[in-house]
Amino acid sequence: MHELSLTQAVVDAVEERLGDARISCVRLEIGKLSGVVADSVRFCFDLVVEGTTLAGARLEIDEPSGAARCRDCAEEFTVDDPIVLCPACDGANVAVLSGQDMLIKSVEVSPACVPPAAAR
């Protein structure tokens, strides 16, 4: 279950960047072609935030579709399935353009806990 280590890495990155600030929300983008199961990340998030500055934080996940282009017929299309076939020519000679990423899109800090240097 690689989602546990990915979720731990997200929490570690937020803590490293924001220190002791109390976090109220983390927004992730997990592309549908990333191979990461968003529901597993949601489950793991609740486990790995215990005892951290993210304890009690909301987790919001956006799951955008992927985009691809057929190298044979130049058709561009959206795709949600990891097995990518061109809908125009049924070809498998396809370049995936997006949808394979997992990104931390934003982090919301609780107003009462903003460190003085970050409040300026």
C-alpha atoms as a PDB file:
ATOM      1  CA  MET A   1       0.000   0.000   0.000  1.00  0.00           C
ATOM      2  CA  HIS A   2       2.142   2.867  -1.250  1.00  0.00           C
ATOM      3  CA  GLU A   3      -0.603   5.366  -0.355  1.00  0.00           C
ATOM      4  CA  LEU A   4       0.538   5.242   3.281  1.00  0.00           C
ATOM      5  CA  SER A   5       4.080   6.340   2.425  1.00  0.00           C
ATOM      6  CA  LEU A   6       2.788   8.980  -0.026  1.00  0.00           C
ATOM      7  CA  THR A   7       0.418  10.386   2.590  1.00  0.00           C
ATOM      8  CA  GLN A   8       3.201  10.426   5.184  1.00  0.00           C
ATOM      9  CA  ALA A   9       5.388  12.324   2.699  1.00  0.00           C
ATOM     10  CA  VAL A  10       2.623  14.936   2.233  1.00  0.00           C
ATOM     11  CA  VAL A  11       2.293  15.420   6.002  1.00  0.00           C
ATOM     12  CA  ASP A  12       6.080  15.619   6.394  1.00  0.00           C
ATOM     13  CA  ALA A  13       6.331  18.217   3.599  1.00  0.00           C
ATOM     14  CA  VAL A  14       3.610  20.388   5.141  1.00  0.00           C
ATOM     15  CA  GLU A  15       5.174  20.190   8.604  1.00  0.00           C
ATOM     16  CA  GLU A  16       8.638  20.944   7.232  1.00  0.00           C
ATOM     17  CA  ARG A  17       7.380  23.986   5.355  1.00  0.00           C
ATOM     18  CA  LEU A  18       4.984  25.394   7.989  1.00  0.00           C
ATOM     19  CA  GLY A  19       6.572  24.275  11.245  1.00  0.00           C
ATOM     20  CA  ASP A  20       4.330  24.632  14.280  1.00  0.00           C
ATOM     21  CA  ALA A  21       1.426  26.338  12.492  1.00  0.00           C
ATOM     22  CA  ARG A  22      -1.894  24.583  13.118  1.00  0.00           C
ATOM     23  CA  ILE A  23      -3.211  23.303   9.758  1.00  0.00           C
ATOM     24  CA  SER A  24      -6.964  23.271   9.099  1.00  0.00           C
ATOM     25  CA  CYS A  25      -7.094  21.978   5.514  1.00  0.00           C
ATOM     26  CA  VAL A  26      -4.860  20.276   2.945  1.00  0.00           C
ATOM     27  CA  ARG A  27      -5.892  20.218  -0.714  1.00  0.00           C
ATOM     28  CA  LEU A  28      -4.386  17.589  -2.991  1.00  0.00           C
ATOM     29  CA  GLU A  29      -4.698  16.921  -6.682  1.00  0.00           C
ATOM     30  CA  ILE A  30      -4.397  13.244  -7.564  1.00  0.00           C
ATOM     31  CA  GLY A  31      -4.641  12.549 -11.281  1.00  0.00           C
ATOM     32  CA  LYS A  32      -6.773   9.592 -12.286  1.00  0.00           C
ATOM     33  CA  LEU A  33      -3.785   8.091 -14.128  1.00  0.00           C
ATOM     34  CA  SER A  34      -1.415   8.444 -11.154  1.00  0.00           C
ATOM     35  CA  GLY A  35      -2.015   4.954  -9.787  1.00  0.00           C
ATOM     36  CA  VAL A  36      -2.820   6.480  -6.387  1.00  0.00           C
ATOM     37  CA  VAL A  37      -6.154   5.494  -4.819  1.00  0.00           C
ATOM     38  CA  ALA A  38      -7.695   8.667  -3.377  1.00  0.00           C
ATOM     39  CA  ASP A  39      -9.878   6.779  -0.889  1.00  0.00           C
ATOM     40  CA  SER A  40      -6.780   5.064   0.496  1.00  0.00           C
ATOM     41  CA  VAL A  41      -5.061   8.442   0.889  1.00  0.00           C
ATOM     42  CA  ARG A  42      -8.128   9.713   2.787  1.00  0.00           C
ATOM     43  CA  PHE A  43      -7.950   6.717   5.131  1.00  0.00           C
ATOM     44  CA  CYS A  44      -4.180   7.034   5.619  1.00  0.00           C
ATOM     45  CA  PHE A  45      -4.392  10.797   6.220  1.00  0.00           C
ATOM     46  CA  ASP A  46      -6.434  10.309   9.380  1.00  0.00           C
ATOM     47  CA  LEU A  47      -3.811   7.870  10.663  1.00  0.00           C
ATOM     48  CA  VAL A  48      -0.645   9.817   9.900  1.00  0.00           C
ATOM     49  CA  VAL A  49      -1.830  13.229  11.147  1.00  0.00           C
ATOM     50  CA  GLU A  50      -2.340  11.997  14.724  1.00  0.00           C
ATOM     51  CA  GLY A  51      -0.022  13.883  17.055  1.00  0.00           C
ATOM     52  CA  THR A  52       1.009  16.406  14.370  1.00  0.00           C
ATOM     53  CA  THR A  53       0.067  20.012  13.610  1.00  0.00           C
ATOM     54  CA  LEU A  54      -2.286  18.566  10.985  1.00  0.00           C
ATOM     55  CA  ALA A  55      -4.388  16.663  13.550  1.00  0.00           C
ATOM     56  CA  GLY A  56      -8.031  17.468  12.872  1.00  0.00           C
ATOM     57  CA  ALA A  57      -7.309  19.011   9.464  1.00  0.00           C
ATOM     58  CA  ARG A  58      -9.677  18.477   6.552  1.00  0.00           C
ATOM     59  CA  LEU A  59      -8.369  16.712   3.483  1.00  0.00           C
ATOM     60  CA  GLU A  60      -9.812  17.731   0.113  1.00  0.00           C
ATOM     61  CA  ILE A  61      -8.854  15.786  -2.988  1.00  0.00           C
ATOM     62  CA  ASP A  62      -9.476  16.784  -6.597  1.00  0.00           C
ATOM     63  CA  GLU A  63      -9.166  13.926  -9.101  1.00  0.00           C
ATOM     64  CA  PRO A  64      -8.770  15.371 -12.604  1.00  0.00           C
ATOM     65  CA  SER A  65      -9.020  13.176 -15.670  1.00  0.00           C
ATOM     66  CA  GLY A  66      -5.962  12.588 -17.762  1.00  0.00           C
ATOM     67  CA  ALA A  67      -5.326  14.000 -21.203  1.00  0.00           C
ATOM     68  CA  ALA A  68      -3.716  12.107 -24.061  1.00  0.00           C
ATOM     69  CA  ARG A  69      -2.844  12.433 -27.753  1.00  0.00           C
ATOM     70  CA  CYS A  70      -2.777   9.632 -30.281  1.00  0.00           C
ATOM     71  CA  ARG A  71       0.563   9.496 -32.085  1.00  0.00           C
ATOM     72  CA  ASP A  72      -1.073   7.841 -35.099  1.00  0.00           C
ATOM     73  CA  CYS A  73      -4.118  10.048 -35.796  1.00  0.00           C
ATOM     74  CA  ALA A  74      -3.315  13.130 -33.609  1.00  0.00           C
ATOM     75  CA  GLU A  75      -6.649  12.886 -31.752  1.00  0.00           C
ATOM     76  CA  GLU A  76      -6.538  14.552 -28.302  1.00  0.00           C
ATOM     77  CA  PHE A  77      -8.873  13.170 -25.657  1.00  0.00           C
ATOM     78  CA  THR A  78      -9.530  12.819 -21.942  1.00  0.00           C
ATOM     79  CA  VAL A  79      -8.974   9.506 -20.229  1.00  0.00           C
ATOM     80  CA  ASP A  80      -9.753   8.052 -16.797  1.00  0.00           C
ATOM     81  CA  ASP A  81      -8.569   4.487 -17.362  1.00  0.00           C
ATOM     82  CA  PRO A  82      -4.886   3.513 -17.013  1.00  0.00           C
ATOM     83  CA  ILE A  83      -5.246   1.425 -20.194  1.00  0.00           C
ATOM     84  CA  VAL A  84      -5.184   4.219 -22.750  1.00  0.00           C
ATOM     85  CA  LEU A  85      -6.580   3.601 -26.227  1.00  0.00           C
ATOM     86  CA  CYS A  86      -7.452   6.232 -28.800  1.00  0.00           C
ATOM     87  CA  PRO A  87     -11.235   6.580 -29.122  1.00  0.00           C
ATOM     88  CA  ALA A  88     -10.888   7.668 -32.779  1.00  0.00           C
ATOM     89  CA  CYS A  89      -8.711   4.882 -34.202  1.00  0.00           C
ATOM     90  CA  ASP A  90      -8.525   2.351 -31.300  1.00  0.00           C
ATOM     91  CA  GLY A  91      -4.738   2.663 -31.431  1.00  0.00           C
ATOM     92  CA  ALA A  92      -2.486   2.163 -28.425  1.00  0.00           C
ATOM     93  CA  ASN A  93       0.286   4.461 -29.696  1.00  0.00           C
ATOM     94  CA  VAL A  94      -0.731   7.185 -27.257  1.00  0.00           C
ATOM     95  CA  ALA A  95       1.180   9.899 -25.398  1.00  0.00           C
ATOM     96  CA  VAL A  96      -0.211  10.729 -21.962  1.00  0.00           C
ATOM     97  CA  LEU A  97      -0.124  14.511 -21.509  1.00  0.00           C
ATOM     98  CA  SER A  98      -1.495  14.860 -17.959  1.00  0.00           C
ATOM     99  CA  GLY A  99      -3.246  13.056 -15.142  1.00  0.00           C
ATOM    100  CA  GLN A 100      -0.285  11.185 -13.655  1.00  0.00           C
ATOM    101  CA  ASP A 101       0.595  13.700 -10.940  1.00  0.00           C
ATOM    102  CA  MET A 102      -0.032  13.958  -7.228  1.00  0.00           C
ATOM    103  CA  LEU A 103       0.316  17.553  -6.045  1.00  0.00           C
ATOM    104  CA  ILE A 104      -0.173  19.511  -2.848  1.00  0.00           C
ATOM    105  CA  LYS A 105      -2.341  22.303  -4.265  1.00  0.00           C
ATOM    106  CA  SER A 106      -2.779  24.348  -1.078  1.00  0.00           C
ATOM    107  CA  VAL A 107      -2.629  24.280   2.695  1.00  0.00           C
ATOM    108  CA  GLU A 108      -4.916  26.302   4.944  1.00  0.00           C
ATOM    109  CA  VAL A 109      -3.500  27.531   8.245  1.00  0.00           C
ATOM    110  CA  SER A 110      -5.812  28.174  11.213  1.00  0.00           C
ATOM    111  CA  PRO A 111      -5.912  31.988  11.716  1.00  0.00           C
ATOM    112  CA  ALA A 112      -5.323  31.854  15.477  1.00  0.00           C
ATOM    113  CA  CYS A 113      -2.166  29.812  14.973  1.00  0.00           C
ATOM    114  CA  VAL A 114      -0.384  31.764  12.241  1.00  0.00           C
ATOM    115  CA  PRO A 115       3.216  32.378  13.318  1.00  0.00           C
ATOM    116  CA  PRO A 116       3.977  36.148  13.515  1.00  0.00           C
ATOM    117  CA  ALA A 117       6.470  36.053  10.628  1.00  0.00           C
ATOM    118  CA  ALA A 118       3.924  34.334   8.346  1.00  0.00           C
ATOM    119  CA  ALA A 119       1.153  36.796   9.236  1.00  0.00           C
ATOM    120  CA  ARG A 120       2.936  39.754   7.585  1.00  0.00           C
END
